[in-house]
């Protein structure tokens, strides 16, 4: 792993980036990871970035503009209009961040993975940049009816090409509920799969799942988000972080191997009985089929 700083002269910003690359010299496909919002940063899913690297990928994760640009930072006592302008700035800078990173690494094609706001970023960047050849969206934002206080981002899915897409989502997700995941999946006009992790919530895609979940569940939230801790189940009622990480690591690597490396074993795995394969590894999950939706029970 190497920490670098990528300088965007056009926007007068410097972006700290983590770069994971295999120890063996060679040429490897590039995967970009996009982090969520709030207090999250480029190191929010090192369990996944290091795993992708260990399977022959160069993986890059940046701190997005809202983390590095002072003008996009939260301010005490901001008015509703100031907050709305700040959020609009966050949204407007996400896709340019990804495009800048691809330019910085002189990349001709890449995969992209993102969680929550980063999941939206991954899907939106796929529409904006033809260099993106595979996408994994982890519990992405972007549905037409977001929960109160959740970022009001939208997607048009005007990709203009077939980019293989994998949605990995949580059955009991408080912030990006299953109904919204079904909507995004149905609107995706490309080869696509969605796998639902049972007894899981939004934080199951992060490092330190148990700690992160309970921190989010017990913290003080602003009024527009006060419903979040009330609706979250205790971590003891949900699957373990180890199970969640196995689910996310395995399926993300398999999807990228199939799409970027054209690996036939990976393609056969994704076309096979994923539920049985995961169950054999102690992970309870369901492949989404439009005629067989799961109704989440909080």
Protein backbone atom coordinates (compact mmCIF):
# COMPACT_ATOMS: atom_id res chain seq x y z
CA UNK A 1 0.00 0.00 0.00
CA UNK A 2 1.18 3.48 -0.87
CA UNK A 3 -0.27 6.86 0.08
CA UNK A 4 0.01 9.51 -2.62
CA UNK A 5 -1.37 12.98 -3.23
CA UNK A 6 -3.00 13.66 -6.58
CA UNK A 7 -3.13 17.34 -7.50
CA UNK A 8 -6.04 18.69 -9.56
CA UNK A 9 -4.80 22.03 -10.86
CA UNK A 10 -8.11 22.85 -12.54
CA UNK A 11 -9.98 22.81 -9.23
CA UNK A 12 -6.99 23.77 -7.06
CA UNK A 13 -7.38 20.65 -4.90
CA UNK A 14 -5.08 17.92 -3.67
CA UNK A 15 -6.57 14.49 -3.07
CA UNK A 16 -4.97 12.01 -0.66
CA UNK A 17 -5.20 8.55 -2.21
CA UNK A 18 -4.42 5.04 -1.06
CA UNK A 19 -2.98 2.80 -3.76
CA UNK A 20 -2.85 -0.95 -3.24
CA UNK A 21 -0.82 -2.81 -5.84
CA UNK A 22 0.37 -6.43 -6.06
CA UNK A 23 3.94 -7.03 -4.91
CA UNK A 24 4.78 -8.94 -8.07
CA UNK A 25 5.80 -6.57 -10.90
CA UNK A 26 3.40 -6.58 -13.83
CA UNK A 27 0.45 -4.90 -15.49
CA UNK A 28 -2.83 -5.19 -13.63
CA UNK A 29 -6.39 -3.90 -14.14
CA UNK A 30 -7.35 -0.80 -12.16
CA UNK A 31 -10.28 -0.63 -9.74
CA UNK A 32 -11.41 2.63 -8.14
CA UNK A 33 -13.17 2.58 -4.76
CA UNK A 34 -15.54 5.44 -3.83
CA UNK A 35 -16.36 6.01 -0.16
CA UNK A 36 -19.64 7.02 1.45
CA UNK A 37 -20.63 10.38 2.94
CA UNK A 38 -20.58 11.75 6.46
CA UNK A 39 -17.32 11.14 8.31
CA UNK A 40 -16.18 8.41 5.92
CA UNK A 41 -13.01 8.56 3.84
CA UNK A 42 -10.81 6.53 1.51
CA UNK A 43 -9.98 3.97 4.21
CA UNK A 44 -13.57 2.95 5.01
CA UNK A 45 -13.32 -0.49 3.29
CA UNK A 46 -9.72 -1.60 3.47
CA UNK A 47 -10.94 -5.19 3.93
CA UNK A 48 -12.23 -5.06 0.35
CA UNK A 49 -9.48 -2.98 -1.27
CA UNK A 50 -6.70 -5.21 0.08
CA UNK A 51 -8.58 -8.33 -1.01
CA UNK A 52 -9.03 -7.06 -4.56
CA UNK A 53 -5.33 -6.24 -4.66
CA UNK A 54 -4.45 -9.75 -3.50
CA UNK A 55 -6.34 -11.07 -6.53
CA UNK A 56 -4.33 -9.12 -9.08
CA UNK A 57 -5.75 -5.59 -9.19
CA UNK A 58 -4.35 -2.15 -8.59
CA UNK A 59 -6.90 -0.51 -6.30
CA UNK A 60 -7.14 3.24 -5.73
CA UNK A 61 -9.31 5.00 -3.13
CA UNK A 62 -9.38 8.79 -2.83
CA UNK A 63 -10.73 11.23 -0.27
CA UNK A 64 -13.51 12.92 -2.22
CA UNK A 65 -13.89 16.68 -2.62
CA UNK A 66 -16.16 17.15 0.40
CA UNK A 67 -13.35 15.77 2.57
CA UNK A 68 -10.53 17.92 1.15
CA UNK A 69 -12.17 21.18 0.00
CA UNK A 70 -12.73 23.70 2.85
CA UNK A 71 -15.60 25.37 1.00
CA UNK A 72 -17.54 22.07 1.06
CA UNK A 73 -17.08 21.42 4.78
CA UNK A 74 -19.93 21.51 7.29
CA UNK A 75 -20.21 24.74 9.28
CA UNK A 76 -21.77 25.27 12.66
CA UNK A 77 -25.05 27.15 12.52
CA UNK A 78 -25.48 26.92 8.76
CA UNK A 79 -28.87 27.93 7.37
CA UNK A 80 -31.04 25.51 5.36
CA UNK A 81 -29.99 27.33 2.19
CA UNK A 82 -26.32 27.03 3.11
CA UNK A 83 -26.74 23.34 3.86
CA UNK A 84 -28.52 22.78 0.54
CA UNK A 85 -25.72 24.58 -1.31
CA UNK A 86 -23.08 22.49 0.47
CA UNK A 87 -24.86 19.23 -0.39
CA UNK A 88 -25.24 20.35 -4.01
CA UNK A 89 -21.49 20.94 -4.05
CA UNK A 90 -20.80 17.46 -2.70
CA UNK A 91 -22.96 15.93 -5.41
CA UNK A 92 -21.60 18.07 -8.24
CA UNK A 93 -17.98 17.15 -7.46
CA UNK A 94 -18.28 13.38 -7.12
CA UNK A 95 -18.17 12.33 -10.78
CA UNK A 96 -15.45 14.91 -11.64
CA UNK A 97 -13.42 13.40 -8.79
CA UNK A 98 -13.58 9.96 -10.41
CA UNK A 99 -12.80 11.29 -13.87
CA UNK A 100 -9.82 13.21 -12.51
CA UNK A 101 -8.52 10.06 -10.81
CA UNK A 102 -8.78 8.04 -14.03
CA UNK A 103 -6.92 10.81 -15.85
CA UNK A 104 -4.26 10.95 -13.15
CA UNK A 105 -3.52 7.24 -13.53
CA UNK A 106 -3.69 7.49 -17.34
CA UNK A 107 -6.23 4.70 -17.34
CA UNK A 108 -7.91 3.44 -20.51
CA UNK A 109 -10.33 1.11 -18.71
CA UNK A 110 -11.22 0.38 -15.11
CA UNK A 111 -13.69 -1.13 -12.71
CA UNK A 112 -15.38 0.89 -9.99
CA UNK A 113 -16.81 -0.03 -6.59
CA UNK A 114 -18.63 2.28 -4.19
CA UNK A 115 -20.70 2.20 -1.02
CA UNK A 116 -23.79 4.33 -0.28
CA UNK A 117 -23.05 7.82 -1.69
CA UNK A 118 -20.03 6.12 -3.23
CA UNK A 119 -22.36 3.52 -4.75
CA UNK A 120 -24.28 6.35 -6.38
CA UNK A 121 -20.95 7.82 -7.48
CA UNK A 122 -19.97 4.53 -9.11
CA UNK A 123 -23.26 4.32 -11.04
CA UNK A 124 -23.23 7.99 -12.04
CA UNK A 125 -19.58 7.86 -13.15
CA UNK A 126 -20.38 4.85 -15.34
CA UNK A 127 -22.81 7.06 -17.28
CA UNK A 128 -20.25 9.86 -17.59
CA UNK A 129 -17.05 8.01 -18.44
CA UNK A 130 -16.71 5.23 -21.00
CA UNK A 131 -13.47 4.04 -19.44
CA UNK A 132 -15.49 2.32 -16.72
CA UNK A 133 -16.06 -1.28 -17.82
CA UNK A 134 -17.48 -2.89 -14.66
CA UNK A 135 -19.36 -1.57 -11.64
CA UNK A 136 -20.16 -2.92 -8.16
CA UNK A 137 -22.65 -0.83 -6.17
CA UNK A 138 -22.76 -1.57 -2.44
CA UNK A 139 -26.08 -0.39 -0.97
CA UNK A 140 -26.11 2.63 -3.31
CA UNK A 141 -28.00 5.88 -2.89
CA UNK A 142 -29.95 7.30 -5.81
CA UNK A 143 -33.50 5.92 -5.69
CA UNK A 144 -36.40 8.22 -6.53
CA UNK A 145 -37.80 8.26 -2.99
CA UNK A 146 -34.89 8.52 -0.52
CA UNK A 147 -35.52 8.38 3.21
CA UNK A 148 -35.73 11.76 5.04
CA UNK A 149 -32.38 13.51 5.21
CA UNK A 150 -30.63 11.10 2.84
CA UNK A 151 -28.73 12.81 0.04
CA UNK A 152 -31.13 13.73 -2.81
CA UNK A 153 -29.09 12.20 -5.63
CA UNK A 154 -30.59 10.94 -8.88
CA UNK A 155 -29.53 8.60 -11.68
CA UNK A 156 -30.51 8.42 -15.34
CA UNK A 157 -28.66 5.18 -16.26
CA UNK A 158 -27.90 6.63 -19.68
CA UNK A 159 -24.76 4.53 -20.04
CA UNK A 160 -24.96 4.07 -23.79
CA UNK A 161 -23.24 0.68 -23.57
CA UNK A 162 -23.44 -2.63 -21.72
CA UNK A 163 -21.43 -2.34 -18.48
CA UNK A 164 -21.78 -5.42 -16.23
CA UNK A 165 -23.27 -4.28 -12.93
CA UNK A 166 -23.43 -6.06 -9.59
CA UNK A 167 -25.57 -4.78 -6.73
CA UNK A 168 -24.68 -6.06 -3.27
CA UNK A 169 -27.32 -4.91 -0.79
CA UNK A 170 -28.49 -5.52 2.77
CA UNK A 171 -31.85 -7.01 3.73
CA UNK A 172 -32.36 -4.72 6.74
CA UNK A 173 -30.69 -1.59 5.40
CA UNK A 174 -32.00 1.41 7.34
CA UNK A 175 -30.63 4.17 5.09
CA UNK A 176 -30.93 2.67 1.59
CA UNK A 177 -33.93 0.39 1.93
CA UNK A 178 -34.57 -2.66 -0.24
CA UNK A 179 -37.42 -1.00 -2.16
CA UNK A 180 -34.96 1.56 -3.49
CA UNK A 181 -32.45 -1.15 -4.38
CA UNK A 182 -35.09 -2.97 -6.42
CA UNK A 183 -35.89 0.27 -8.25
CA UNK A 184 -32.26 0.98 -9.16
CA UNK A 185 -31.71 -2.60 -10.28
CA UNK A 186 -34.77 -2.56 -12.54
CA UNK A 187 -33.68 0.74 -14.11
CA UNK A 188 -30.18 -0.55 -14.93
CA UNK A 189 -30.07 -1.18 -18.69
CA UNK A 190 -27.13 -3.58 -18.75
CA UNK A 191 -26.13 -7.08 -17.71
CA UNK A 192 -26.84 -7.09 -14.02
CA UNK A 193 -27.15 -9.14 -10.87
CA UNK A 194 -28.25 -8.31 -7.35
CA UNK A 195 -27.47 -10.35 -4.26
CA UNK A 196 -29.06 -9.56 -0.89
CA UNK A 197 -27.18 -10.23 2.34
CA UNK A 198 -29.69 -11.45 4.91
CA UNK A 199 -29.82 -9.92 8.39
CA UNK A 200 -27.54 -7.05 7.42
CA UNK A 201 -27.67 -3.25 7.59
CA UNK A 202 -25.88 -0.35 5.93
CA UNK A 203 -22.65 -0.61 7.93
CA UNK A 204 -22.07 -4.25 6.95
CA UNK A 205 -20.07 -3.04 3.92
CA UNK A 206 -17.51 -1.14 6.04
CA UNK A 207 -14.44 -2.05 8.05
CA UNK A 208 -15.10 -2.94 11.71
CA UNK A 209 -18.75 -3.78 11.08
CA UNK A 210 -19.83 -4.42 14.65
CA UNK A 211 -18.21 -1.26 16.02
CA UNK A 212 -19.40 0.94 13.16
CA UNK A 213 -22.98 -0.33 13.39
CA UNK A 214 -23.28 0.25 17.12
CA UNK A 215 -21.62 3.66 16.88
CA UNK A 216 -24.15 4.73 14.26
CA UNK A 217 -27.03 3.21 16.26
CA UNK A 218 -26.18 4.99 19.50
CA UNK A 219 -24.89 8.37 18.29
CA UNK A 220 -26.79 11.66 18.33
CA UNK A 221 -28.18 12.51 14.89
CA UNK A 222 -29.56 15.85 13.65
CA UNK A 223 -33.33 16.17 13.63
CA UNK A 224 -33.83 15.19 9.98
CA UNK A 225 -31.94 11.93 10.60
CA UNK A 226 -33.18 11.15 14.11
CA UNK A 227 -35.20 8.21 12.76
CA UNK A 228 -32.03 6.26 11.86
CA UNK A 229 -31.03 4.94 15.32
CA UNK A 230 -34.66 4.28 16.21
CA UNK A 231 -35.05 1.93 13.25
CA UNK A 232 -31.69 0.14 13.44
CA UNK A 233 -31.59 -3.30 15.02
CA UNK A 234 -28.84 -4.16 17.53
CA UNK A 235 -25.85 -5.82 15.92
CA UNK A 236 -26.55 -8.96 17.96
CA UNK A 237 -29.69 -9.46 15.82
CA UNK A 238 -27.74 -9.27 12.57
CA UNK A 239 -25.10 -11.27 10.73
CA UNK A 240 -21.46 -10.93 11.68
CA UNK A 241 -18.91 -8.65 10.11
CA UNK A 242 -16.91 -11.70 9.10
CA UNK A 243 -19.85 -13.09 7.14
CA UNK A 244 -20.52 -9.71 5.53
CA UNK A 245 -16.91 -9.27 4.48
CA UNK A 246 -16.74 -12.75 2.98
CA UNK A 247 -19.94 -11.98 1.02
CA UNK A 248 -18.65 -8.65 -0.32
CA UNK A 249 -15.08 -9.70 -1.01
CA UNK A 250 -15.94 -12.91 -2.80
CA UNK A 251 -18.68 -11.57 -5.04
CA UNK A 252 -16.84 -8.35 -5.90
CA UNK A 253 -13.69 -10.21 -6.94
CA UNK A 254 -15.75 -12.69 -8.94
CA UNK A 255 -17.61 -9.91 -10.77
CA UNK A 256 -14.41 -8.05 -11.60
CA UNK A 257 -12.64 -11.24 -12.69
CA UNK A 258 -15.53 -12.02 -15.04
CA UNK A 259 -15.83 -8.49 -16.45
CA UNK A 260 -12.23 -7.23 -16.55
CA UNK A 261 -10.20 -10.44 -16.86
CA UNK A 262 -12.82 -12.41 -18.84
CA UNK A 263 -12.28 -15.32 -16.47
CA UNK A 264 -14.50 -18.28 -17.38
CA UNK A 265 -14.47 -19.78 -13.87
CA UNK A 266 -15.77 -16.50 -12.47
CA UNK A 267 -18.47 -16.34 -15.13
CA UNK A 268 -19.58 -19.88 -14.34
CA UNK A 269 -19.71 -19.10 -10.63
CA UNK A 270 -21.91 -16.05 -11.17
CA UNK A 271 -24.19 -18.07 -13.45
CA UNK A 272 -24.43 -20.93 -10.95
CA UNK A 273 -26.07 -21.41 -7.57
CA UNK A 274 -24.64 -18.44 -5.69
CA UNK A 275 -26.97 -18.93 -2.74
CA UNK A 276 -25.77 -22.50 -2.18
CA UNK A 277 -22.11 -21.53 -2.59
CA UNK A 278 -22.48 -18.79 0.01
CA UNK A 279 -24.49 -21.00 2.36
CA UNK A 280 -21.68 -23.58 2.25
CA UNK A 281 -19.43 -20.81 3.56
CA UNK A 282 -21.82 -19.80 6.34
CA UNK A 283 -23.33 -16.78 4.58
CA UNK A 284 -27.12 -16.40 4.26
CA UNK A 285 -27.90 -14.51 1.06
CA UNK A 286 -30.46 -14.42 -1.73
CA UNK A 287 -30.05 -13.71 -5.43
CA UNK A 288 -32.69 -11.19 -6.41
CA UNK A 289 -35.10 -12.27 -9.10
CA UNK A 290 -37.77 -9.69 -9.96
CA UNK A 291 -40.58 -12.18 -9.38
CA UNK A 292 -39.25 -13.13 -5.95
CA UNK A 293 -38.70 -10.00 -3.89
CA UNK A 294 -37.71 -10.05 -0.24
CA UNK A 295 -39.79 -7.93 2.10
CA UNK A 296 -37.52 -6.64 4.82
CA UNK A 297 -38.71 -6.90 8.42
CA UNK A 298 -37.09 -4.38 10.76
